[in-house]
Amino acid sequence: MEAHVLPNLPQEIVCKIIELVGEESFYNLGPFLRTGKRGYALAHEPSVLKKCDVSEMEDGFVTCQIRQGCQFREFHLKCVSAGNRKAIYFE
């Protein structure tokens, strides 16, 4: 299987692309997370996390995945810490 790579574009451009994709849904960040260290780091940039749409993560059927020890917990907390107004902190 061919490895996923990010093009050798400047970091600001790739970060803006990831930011725009994340505004639609946090699920769209998945391919960037799998492109290696650079993609993972850019998807966790505060500017991306601040604008990321996490509403699907917080809906009733997925809320269990952001509780203590669950799949999306760390990502959700990073969004809250970045000042994402769409992220609601659940305890």
PDB file of N, CA and C in Angstrom:
ATOM      1  N   MET A   1       0.841  -1.179   0.000  1.00  0.00           N
ATOM      2  CA  MET A   1       0.000   0.000   0.000  1.00  0.00           C
ATOM      3  C   MET A   1       0.887   1.244   0.000  1.00  0.00           C
ATOM      4  N   GLU A   2       0.559   2.188  -0.822  1.00  0.00           N
ATOM      5  CA  GLU A   2       1.337   3.410  -0.950  1.00  0.00           C
ATOM      6  C   GLU A   2       1.160   4.281   0.283  1.00  0.00           C
ATOM      7  N   ALA A   3       2.249   4.829   0.775  1.00  0.00           N
ATOM      8  CA  ALA A   3       2.196   5.695   1.955  1.00  0.00           C
ATOM      9  C   ALA A   3       1.570   7.034   1.587  1.00  0.00           C
ATOM     10  N   HIS A   4       0.818   7.558   2.496  1.00  0.00           N
ATOM     11  CA  HIS A   4       0.226   8.884   2.314  1.00  0.00           C
ATOM     12  C   HIS A   4       1.274   9.935   2.669  1.00  0.00           C
ATOM     13  N   VAL A   5       1.375  10.962   1.868  1.00  0.00           N
ATOM     14  CA  VAL A   5       2.315  12.041   2.146  1.00  0.00           C
ATOM     15  C   VAL A   5       1.634  13.373   1.873  1.00  0.00           C
ATOM     16  N   LEU A   6       2.110  14.387   2.545  1.00  0.00           N
ATOM     17  CA  LEU A   6       1.642  15.744   2.275  1.00  0.00           C
ATOM     18  C   LEU A   6       2.582  16.367   1.262  1.00  0.00           C
ATOM     19  N   PRO A   7       2.042  17.141   0.345  1.00  0.00           N
ATOM     20  CA  PRO A   7       2.920  17.798  -0.622  1.00  0.00           C
ATOM     21  C   PRO A   7       3.856  18.773   0.084  1.00  0.00           C
ATOM     22  N   ASN A   8       4.943  19.073  -0.563  1.00  0.00           N
ATOM     23  CA  ASN A   8       5.933  19.982   0.021  1.00  0.00           C
ATOM     24  C   ASN A   8       5.513  21.433  -0.145  1.00  0.00           C
ATOM     25  N   LEU A   9       4.335  21.728   0.362  1.00  0.00           N
ATOM     26  CA  LEU A   9       3.841  23.098   0.374  1.00  0.00           C
ATOM     27  C   LEU A   9       4.269  23.756   1.678  1.00  0.00           C
ATOM     28  N   PRO A  10       4.315  25.089   1.699  1.00  0.00           N
ATOM     29  CA  PRO A  10       4.646  25.762   2.958  1.00  0.00           C
ATOM     30  C   PRO A  10       3.638  25.381   4.052  1.00  0.00           C
ATOM     31  N   GLN A  11       4.132  25.343   5.265  1.00  0.00           N
ATOM     32  CA  GLN A  11       3.316  24.924   6.402  1.00  0.00           C
ATOM     33  C   GLN A  11       2.048  25.772   6.541  1.00  0.00           C
ATOM     34  N   GLU A  12       2.136  27.062   6.285  1.00  0.00           N
ATOM     35  CA  GLU A  12       0.984  27.948   6.429  1.00  0.00           C
ATOM     36  C   GLU A  12      -0.146  27.554   5.482  1.00  0.00           C
ATOM     37  N   ILE A  13       0.206  27.163   4.258  1.00  0.00           N
ATOM     38  CA  ILE A  13      -0.799  26.783   3.263  1.00  0.00           C
ATOM     39  C   ILE A  13      -1.459  25.467   3.640  1.00  0.00           C
ATOM     40  N   VAL A  14      -0.658  24.478   4.016  1.00  0.00           N
ATOM     41  CA  VAL A  14      -1.207  23.178   4.394  1.00  0.00           C
ATOM     42  C   VAL A  14      -2.065  23.325   5.646  1.00  0.00           C
ATOM     43  N   CYS A  15      -1.618  24.141   6.585  1.00  0.00           N
ATOM     44  CA  CYS A  15      -2.374  24.361   7.821  1.00  0.00           C
ATOM     45  C   CYS A  15      -3.722  25.012   7.513  1.00  0.00           C
ATOM     46  N   LYS A  16      -3.735  25.961   6.584  1.00  0.00           N
ATOM     47  CA  LYS A  16      -4.995  26.619   6.205  1.00  0.00           C
ATOM     48  C   LYS A  16      -5.942  25.625   5.535  1.00  0.00           C
ATOM     49  N   ILE A  17      -5.417  24.738   4.701  1.00  0.00           N
ATOM     50  CA  ILE A  17      -6.236  23.708   4.063  1.00  0.00           C
ATOM     51  C   ILE A  17      -6.844  22.800   5.125  1.00  0.00           C
ATOM     52  N   ILE A  18      -6.034  22.362   6.071  1.00  0.00           N
ATOM     53  CA  ILE A  18      -6.519  21.489   7.138  1.00  0.00           C
ATOM     54  C   ILE A  18      -7.565  22.215   7.981  1.00  0.00           C
ATOM     55  N   GLU A  19      -7.339  23.481   8.229  1.00  0.00           N
ATOM     56  CA  GLU A  19      -8.282  24.300   8.991  1.00  0.00           C
ATOM     57  C   GLU A  19      -9.640  24.360   8.293  1.00  0.00           C
ATOM     58  N   LEU A  20      -9.631  24.600   6.991  1.00  0.00           N
ATOM     59  CA  LEU A  20     -10.879  24.683   6.220  1.00  0.00           C
ATOM     60  C   LEU A  20     -11.607  23.344   6.175  1.00  0.00           C
ATOM     61  N   VAL A  21     -10.857  22.270   6.032  1.00  0.00           N
ATOM     62  CA  VAL A  21     -11.451  20.935   5.995  1.00  0.00           C
ATOM     63  C   VAL A  21     -12.047  20.585   7.360  1.00  0.00           C
ATOM     64  N   GLY A  22     -11.358  20.963   8.433  1.00  0.00           N
ATOM     65  CA  GLY A  22     -11.829  20.682   9.784  1.00  0.00           C
ATOM     66  C   GLY A  22     -13.056  21.483  10.171  1.00  0.00           C
ATOM     67  N   GLU A  23     -13.244  22.656   9.552  1.00  0.00           N
ATOM     68  CA  GLU A  23     -14.432  23.460   9.837  1.00  0.00           C
ATOM     69  C   GLU A  23     -15.703  22.733   9.432  1.00  0.00           C
ATOM     70  N   GLU A  24     -15.611  21.891   8.425  1.00  0.00           N
ATOM     71  CA  GLU A  24     -16.760  21.113   7.958  1.00  0.00           C
ATOM     72  C   GLU A  24     -17.111  20.017   8.960  1.00  0.00           C
ATOM     73  N   SER A  25     -16.100  19.261   9.400  1.00  0.00           N
ATOM     74  CA  SER A  25     -16.299  18.188  10.370  1.00  0.00           C
ATOM     75  C   SER A  25     -14.948  17.683  10.852  1.00  0.00           C
ATOM     76  N   PHE A  26     -14.882  17.338  12.120  1.00  0.00           N
ATOM     77  CA  PHE A  26     -13.625  16.808  12.657  1.00  0.00           C
ATOM     78  C   PHE A  26     -13.253  15.480  12.008  1.00  0.00           C
ATOM     79  N   TYR A  27     -14.234  14.754  11.486  1.00  0.00           N
ATOM     80  CA  TYR A  27     -13.963  13.486  10.800  1.00  0.00           C
ATOM     81  C   TYR A  27     -13.062  13.689   9.582  1.00  0.00           C
ATOM     82  N   ASN A  28     -13.136  14.862   8.962  1.00  0.00           N
ATOM     83  CA  ASN A  28     -12.334  15.148   7.773  1.00  0.00           C
ATOM     84  C   ASN A  28     -10.841  15.264   8.072  1.00  0.00           C
ATOM     85  N   LEU A  29     -10.480  15.359   9.337  1.00  0.00           N
ATOM     86  CA  LEU A  29      -9.069  15.469   9.701  1.00  0.00           C
ATOM     87  C   LEU A  29      -8.355  14.121   9.685  1.00  0.00           C
ATOM     88  N   GLY A  30      -9.112  13.037   9.656  1.00  0.00           N
ATOM     89  CA  GLY A  30      -8.547  11.690   9.685  1.00  0.00           C
ATOM     90  C   GLY A  30      -7.443  11.441   8.675  1.00  0.00           C
ATOM     91  N   PRO A  31      -7.653  11.748   7.402  1.00  0.00           N
ATOM     92  CA  PRO A  31      -6.589  11.502   6.419  1.00  0.00           C
ATOM     93  C   PRO A  31      -5.296  12.273   6.726  1.00  0.00           C
ATOM     94  N   PHE A  32      -5.418  13.468   7.278  1.00  0.00           N
ATOM     95  CA  PHE A  32      -4.219  14.248   7.615  1.00  0.00           C
ATOM     96  C   PHE A  32      -3.486  13.629   8.800  1.00  0.00           C
ATOM     97  N   LEU A  33      -4.225  13.064   9.730  1.00  0.00           N
ATOM     98  CA  LEU A  33      -3.611  12.417  10.892  1.00  0.00           C
ATOM     99  C   LEU A  33      -2.808  11.194  10.477  1.00  0.00           C
ATOM    100  N   ARG A  34      -3.210  10.565   9.382  1.00  0.00           N
ATOM    101  CA  ARG A  34      -2.535   9.351   8.915  1.00  0.00           C
ATOM    102  C   ARG A  34      -1.388   9.616   7.953  1.00  0.00           C
ATOM    103  N   THR A  35      -1.083  10.879   7.669  1.00  0.00           N
ATOM    104  CA  THR A  35      -0.010  11.183   6.720  1.00  0.00           C
ATOM    105  C   THR A  35       1.356  11.265   7.368  1.00  0.00           C
ATOM    106  N   GLY A  36       1.426  11.014   8.635  1.00  0.00           N
ATOM    107  CA  GLY A  36       2.717  11.032   9.323  1.00  0.00           C
ATOM    108  C   GLY A  36       2.797  12.138  10.352  1.00  0.00           C
ATOM    109  N   LYS A  37       4.015  12.373  10.812  1.00  0.00           N
ATOM    110  CA  LYS A  37       4.234  13.331  11.895  1.00  0.00           C
ATOM    111  C   LYS A  37       3.814  14.744  11.510  1.00  0.00           C
ATOM    112  N   ARG A  38       4.110  15.136  10.290  1.00  0.00           N
ATOM    113  CA  ARG A  38       3.777  16.499   9.863  1.00  0.00           C
ATOM    114  C   ARG A  38       2.268  16.703   9.826  1.00  0.00           C
ATOM    115  N   GLY A  39       1.547  15.778   9.224  1.00  0.00           N
ATOM    116  CA  GLY A  39       0.093  15.889   9.153  1.00  0.00           C
ATOM    117  C   GLY A  39      -0.547  15.861  10.521  1.00  0.00           C
ATOM    118  N   TYR A  40      -0.051  14.984  11.384  1.00  0.00           N
ATOM    119  CA  TYR A  40      -0.569  14.878  12.748  1.00  0.00           C
ATOM    120  C   TYR A  40      -0.352  16.197  13.491  1.00  0.00           C
ATOM    121  N   ALA A  41       0.853  16.746  13.371  1.00  0.00           N
ATOM    122  CA  ALA A  41       1.171  17.997  14.063  1.00  0.00           C
ATOM    123  C   ALA A  41       0.317  19.154  13.543  1.00  0.00           C
ATOM    124  N   LEU A  42       0.143  19.228  12.228  1.00  0.00           N
ATOM    125  CA  LEU A  42      -0.651  20.313  11.658  1.00  0.00           C
ATOM    126  C   LEU A  42      -2.135  20.194  12.021  1.00  0.00           C
ATOM    127  N   ALA A  43      -2.641  18.980  12.098  1.00  0.00           N
ATOM    128  CA  ALA A  43      -4.043  18.787  12.487  1.00  0.00           C
ATOM    129  C   ALA A  43      -4.280  19.129  13.951  1.00  0.00           C
ATOM    130  N   HIS A  44      -3.209  19.188  14.735  1.00  0.00           N
ATOM    131  CA  HIS A  44      -3.328  19.542  16.147  1.00  0.00           C
ATOM    132  C   HIS A  44      -2.852  20.969  16.441  1.00  0.00           C
ATOM    133  N   GLU A  45      -2.674  21.759  15.391  1.00  0.00           N
ATOM    134  CA  GLU A  45      -2.325  23.170  15.570  1.00  0.00           C
ATOM    135  C   GLU A  45      -3.500  23.883  16.244  1.00  0.00           C
ATOM    136  N   PRO A  46      -3.233  24.804  17.159  1.00  0.00           N
ATOM    137  CA  PRO A  46      -4.314  25.523  17.833  1.00  0.00           C
ATOM    138  C   PRO A  46      -5.281  26.230  16.876  1.00  0.00           C
ATOM    139  N   SER A  47      -4.775  26.757  15.764  1.00  0.00           N
ATOM    140  CA  SER A  47      -5.663  27.436  14.807  1.00  0.00           C
ATOM    141  C   SER A  47      -6.660  26.464  14.179  1.00  0.00           C
ATOM    142  N   VAL A  48      -6.235  25.217  13.976  1.00  0.00           N
ATOM    143  CA  VAL A  48      -7.119  24.182  13.429  1.00  0.00           C
ATOM    144  C   VAL A  48      -8.110  23.738  14.491  1.00  0.00           C
ATOM    145  N   LEU A  49      -7.620  23.463  15.685  1.00  0.00           N
ATOM    146  CA  LEU A  49      -8.478  22.986  16.774  1.00  0.00           C
ATOM    147  C   LEU A  49      -9.529  24.020  17.167  1.00  0.00           C
ATOM    148  N   LYS A  50      -9.173  25.286  17.059  1.00  0.00           N
ATOM    149  CA  LYS A  50     -10.096  26.359  17.447  1.00  0.00           C
ATOM    150  C   LYS A  50     -11.300  26.432  16.515  1.00  0.00           C
ATOM    151  N   LYS A  51     -11.116  26.091  15.242  1.00  0.00           N
ATOM    152  CA  LYS A  51     -12.194  26.207  14.261  1.00  0.00           C
ATOM    153  C   LYS A  51     -12.838  24.870  13.911  1.00  0.00           C
ATOM    154  N   CYS A  52     -12.315  23.775  14.421  1.00  0.00           N
ATOM    155  CA  CYS A  52     -12.801  22.447  14.084  1.00  0.00           C
ATOM    156  C   CYS A  52     -14.239  22.240  14.557  1.00  0.00           C
ATOM    157  N   ASP A  53     -15.075  21.706  13.692  1.00  0.00           N
ATOM    158  CA  ASP A  53     -16.471  21.439  14.047  1.00  0.00           C
ATOM    159  C   ASP A  53     -16.558  20.101  14.772  1.00  0.00           C
ATOM    160  N   VAL A  54     -16.771  20.169  16.067  1.00  0.00           N
ATOM    161  CA  VAL A  54     -16.842  18.963  16.892  1.00  0.00           C
ATOM    162  C   VAL A  54     -18.277  18.628  17.290  1.00  0.00           C
ATOM    163  N   SER A  55     -19.247  19.261  16.648  1.00  0.00           N
ATOM    164  CA  SER A  55     -20.647  19.049  17.029  1.00  0.00           C
ATOM    165  C   SER A  55     -21.069  17.589  16.867  1.00  0.00           C
ATOM    166  N   GLU A  56     -20.563  16.904  15.841  1.00  0.00           N
ATOM    167  CA  GLU A  56     -20.885  15.481  15.658  1.00  0.00           C
ATOM    168  C   GLU A  56     -20.329  14.646  16.805  1.00  0.00           C
ATOM    169  N   MET A  57     -19.187  15.074  17.331  1.00  0.00           N
ATOM    170  CA  MET A  57     -18.554  14.363  18.429  1.00  0.00           C
ATOM    171  C   MET A  57     -19.401  14.474  19.697  1.00  0.00           C
ATOM    172  N   GLU A  58     -20.115  15.573  19.827  1.00  0.00           N
ATOM    173  CA  GLU A  58     -20.885  15.836  21.030  1.00  0.00           C
ATOM    174  C   GLU A  58     -22.336  15.405  20.938  1.00  0.00           C
ATOM    175  N   ASP A  59     -22.773  14.972  19.772  1.00  0.00           N
ATOM    176  CA  ASP A  59     -24.147  14.488  19.636  1.00  0.00           C
ATOM    177  C   ASP A  59     -24.360  13.286  20.536  1.00  0.00           C
ATOM    178  N   GLY A  60     -25.604  13.030  20.870  1.00  0.00           N
ATOM    179  CA  GLY A  60     -25.958  11.982  21.806  1.00  0.00           C
ATOM    180  C   GLY A  60     -25.344  10.624  21.536  1.00  0.00           C
ATOM    181  N   PHE A  61     -25.281  10.194  20.279  1.00  0.00           N
ATOM    182  CA  PHE A  61     -24.773   8.852  20.000  1.00  0.00           C
ATOM    183  C   PHE A  61     -23.258   8.749  20.083  1.00  0.00           C
ATOM    184  N   VAL A  62     -22.566   9.859  20.065  1.00  0.00           N
ATOM    185  CA  VAL A  62     -21.114   9.815  20.108  1.00  0.00           C
ATOM    186  C   VAL A  62     -20.562  10.340  21.435  1.00  0.00           C
ATOM    187  N   THR A  63     -21.388  11.001  22.226  1.00  0.00           N
ATOM    188  CA  THR A  63     -20.923  11.607  23.470  1.00  0.00           C
ATOM    189  C   THR A  63     -20.147  10.616  24.325  1.00  0.00           C
ATOM    190  N   CYS A  64     -20.530   9.358  24.289  1.00  0.00           N
ATOM    191  CA  CYS A  64     -19.823   8.346  25.086  1.00  0.00           C
ATOM    192  C   CYS A  64     -18.365   8.222  24.662  1.00  0.00           C
ATOM    193  N   GLN A  65     -18.007   8.681  23.469  1.00  0.00           N
ATOM    194  CA  GLN A  65     -16.630   8.559  22.987  1.00  0.00           C
ATOM    195  C   GLN A  65     -15.733   9.700  23.451  1.00  0.00           C
ATOM    196  N   ILE A  66     -16.297  10.702  24.153  1.00  0.00           N
ATOM    197  CA  ILE A  66     -15.460  11.785  24.667  1.00  0.00           C
ATOM    198  C   ILE A  66     -15.402  11.778  26.189  1.00  0.00           C
ATOM    199  N   ARG A  67     -15.931  10.754  26.801  1.00  0.00           N
ATOM    200  CA  ARG A  67     -15.812  10.609  28.251  1.00  0.00           C
ATOM    201  C   ARG A  67     -14.443  10.061  28.603  1.00  0.00           C
ATOM    202  N   GLN A  68     -14.142  10.034  29.895  1.00  0.00           N
ATOM    203  CA  GLN A  68     -12.843   9.582  30.401  1.00  0.00           C
ATOM    204  C   GLN A  68     -12.414   8.255  29.779  1.00  0.00           C
ATOM    205  N   GLY A  69     -11.224   8.223  29.180  1.00  0.00           N
ATOM    206  CA  GLY A  69     -10.656   7.004  28.618  1.00  0.00           C
ATOM    207  C   GLY A  69     -11.230   6.581  27.278  1.00  0.00           C
ATOM    208  N   CYS A  70     -11.991   7.429  26.632  1.00  0.00           N
ATOM    209  CA  CYS A  70     -12.635   7.058  25.369  1.00  0.00           C
ATOM    210  C   CYS A  70     -11.873   7.592  24.161  1.00  0.00           C
ATOM    211  N   GLN A  71     -12.305   7.169  22.998  1.00  0.00           N
ATOM    212  CA  GLN A  71     -11.604   7.365  21.727  1.00  0.00           C
ATOM    213  C   GLN A  71     -11.257   8.824  21.400  1.00  0.00           C
ATOM    214  N   PHE A  72     -12.199   9.746  21.515  1.00  0.00           N
ATOM    215  CA  PHE A  72     -11.972  11.123  21.075  1.00  0.00           C
ATOM    216  C   PHE A  72     -11.698  12.084  22.231  1.00  0.00           C
ATOM    217  N   ARG A  73     -11.518  11.589  23.422  1.00  0.00           N
ATOM    218  CA  ARG A  73     -11.377  12.428  24.624  1.00  0.00           C
ATOM    219  C   ARG A  73     -10.221  13.419  24.489  1.00  0.00           C
ATOM    220  N   GLU A  74      -9.030  12.936  24.178  1.00  0.00           N
ATOM    221  CA  GLU A  74      -7.856  13.813  24.117  1.00  0.00           C
ATOM    222  C   GLU A  74      -8.013  14.897  23.054  1.00  0.00           C
ATOM    223  N   PHE A  75      -8.534  14.509  21.888  1.00  0.00           N
ATOM    224  CA  PHE A  75      -8.729  15.478  20.812  1.00  0.00           C
ATOM    225  C   PHE A  75      -9.736  16.543  21.242  1.00  0.00           C
ATOM    226  N   HIS A  76     -10.813  16.116  21.875  1.00  0.00           N
ATOM    227  CA  HIS A  76     -11.853  17.043  22.337  1.00  0.00           C
ATOM    228  C   HIS A  76     -11.285  18.017  23.365  1.00  0.00           C
ATOM    229  N   LEU A  77     -10.492  17.525  24.300  1.00  0.00           N
ATOM    230  CA  LEU A  77      -9.887  18.392  25.311  1.00  0.00           C
ATOM    231  C   LEU A  77      -8.924  19.393  24.676  1.00  0.00           C
ATOM    232  N   LYS A  78      -8.213  18.969  23.628  1.00  0.00           N
ATOM    233  CA  LYS A  78      -7.329  19.894  22.921  1.00  0.00           C
ATOM    234  C   LYS A  78      -8.135  21.007  22.256  1.00  0.00           C
ATOM    235  N   CYS A  79      -9.300  20.663  21.713  1.00  0.00           N
ATOM    236  CA  CYS A  79     -10.174  21.672  21.097  1.00  0.00           C
ATOM    237  C   CYS A  79     -10.665  22.663  22.148  1.00  0.00           C
ATOM    238  N   VAL A  80     -11.061  22.155  23.316  1.00  0.00           N
ATOM    239  CA  VAL A  80     -11.503  23.020  24.409  1.00  0.00           C
ATOM    240  C   VAL A  80     -10.367  23.949  24.822  1.00  0.00           C
ATOM    241  N   SER A  81      -9.166  23.413  24.984  1.00  0.00           N
ATOM    242  CA  SER A  81      -8.005  24.208  25.398  1.00  0.00           C
ATOM    243  C   SER A  81      -7.629  25.262  24.364  1.00  0.00           C
ATOM    244  N   ALA A  82      -7.877  24.968  23.098  1.00  0.00           N
ATOM    245  CA  ALA A  82      -7.552  25.920  22.025  1.00  0.00           C
ATOM    246  C   ALA A  82      -8.568  27.051  21.934  1.00  0.00           C
ATOM    247  N   GLY A  83      -9.656  26.955  22.684  1.00  0.00           N
ATOM    248  CA  GLY A  83     -10.665  28.014  22.668  1.00  0.00           C
ATOM    249  C   GLY A  83     -11.762  27.799  21.651  1.00  0.00           C
ATOM    250  N   ASN A  84     -11.986  26.556  21.265  1.00  0.00           N
ATOM    251  CA  ASN A  84     -13.041  26.235  20.308  1.00  0.00           C
ATOM    252  C   ASN A  84     -14.393  26.493  20.959  1.00  0.00           C
ATOM    253  N   ARG A  85     -15.148  27.440  20.416  1.00  0.00           N
ATOM    254  CA  ARG A  85     -16.447  27.810  20.995  1.00  0.00           C
ATOM    255  C   ARG A  85     -17.512  26.755  20.739  1.00  0.00           C
ATOM    256  N   LYS A  86     -17.265  25.842  19.809  1.00  0.00           N
ATOM    257  CA  LYS A  86     -18.223  24.784  19.524  1.00  0.00           C
ATOM    258  C   LYS A  86     -18.022  23.575  20.431  1.00  0.00           C
ATOM    259  N   ALA A  87     -16.873  23.527  21.107  1.00  0.00           N
ATOM    260  CA  ALA A  87     -16.554  22.390  21.975  1.00  0.00           C
ATOM    261  C   ALA A  87     -17.123  22.622  23.372  1.00  0.00           C
ATOM    262  N   ILE A  88     -17.879  21.675  23.845  1.00  0.00           N
ATOM    263  CA  ILE A  88     -18.449  21.727  25.184  1.00  0.00           C
ATOM    264  C   ILE A  88     -17.693  20.746  26.041  1.00  0.00           C
ATOM    265  N   TYR A  89     -17.243  21.186  27.189  1.00  0.00           N
ATOM    266  CA  TYR A  89     -16.478  20.303  28.065  1.00  0.00           C
ATOM    267  C   TYR A  89     -17.427  19.403  28.843  1.00  0.00           C
ATOM    268  N   PHE A  90     -17.251  18.093  28.690  1.00  0.00           N
ATOM    269  CA  PHE A  90     -18.055  17.110  29.416  1.00  0.00           C
ATOM    270  C   PHE A  90     -17.174  16.457  30.473  1.00  0.00           C
ATOM    271  N   GLU A  91     -17.703  16.306  31.671  1.00  0.00           N
ATOM    272  CA  GLU A  91     -16.968  15.617  32.726  1.00  0.00           C
ATOM    273  C   GLU A  91     -17.722  14.369  33.109  1.00  0.00           C
TER     274      GLU A  91
END
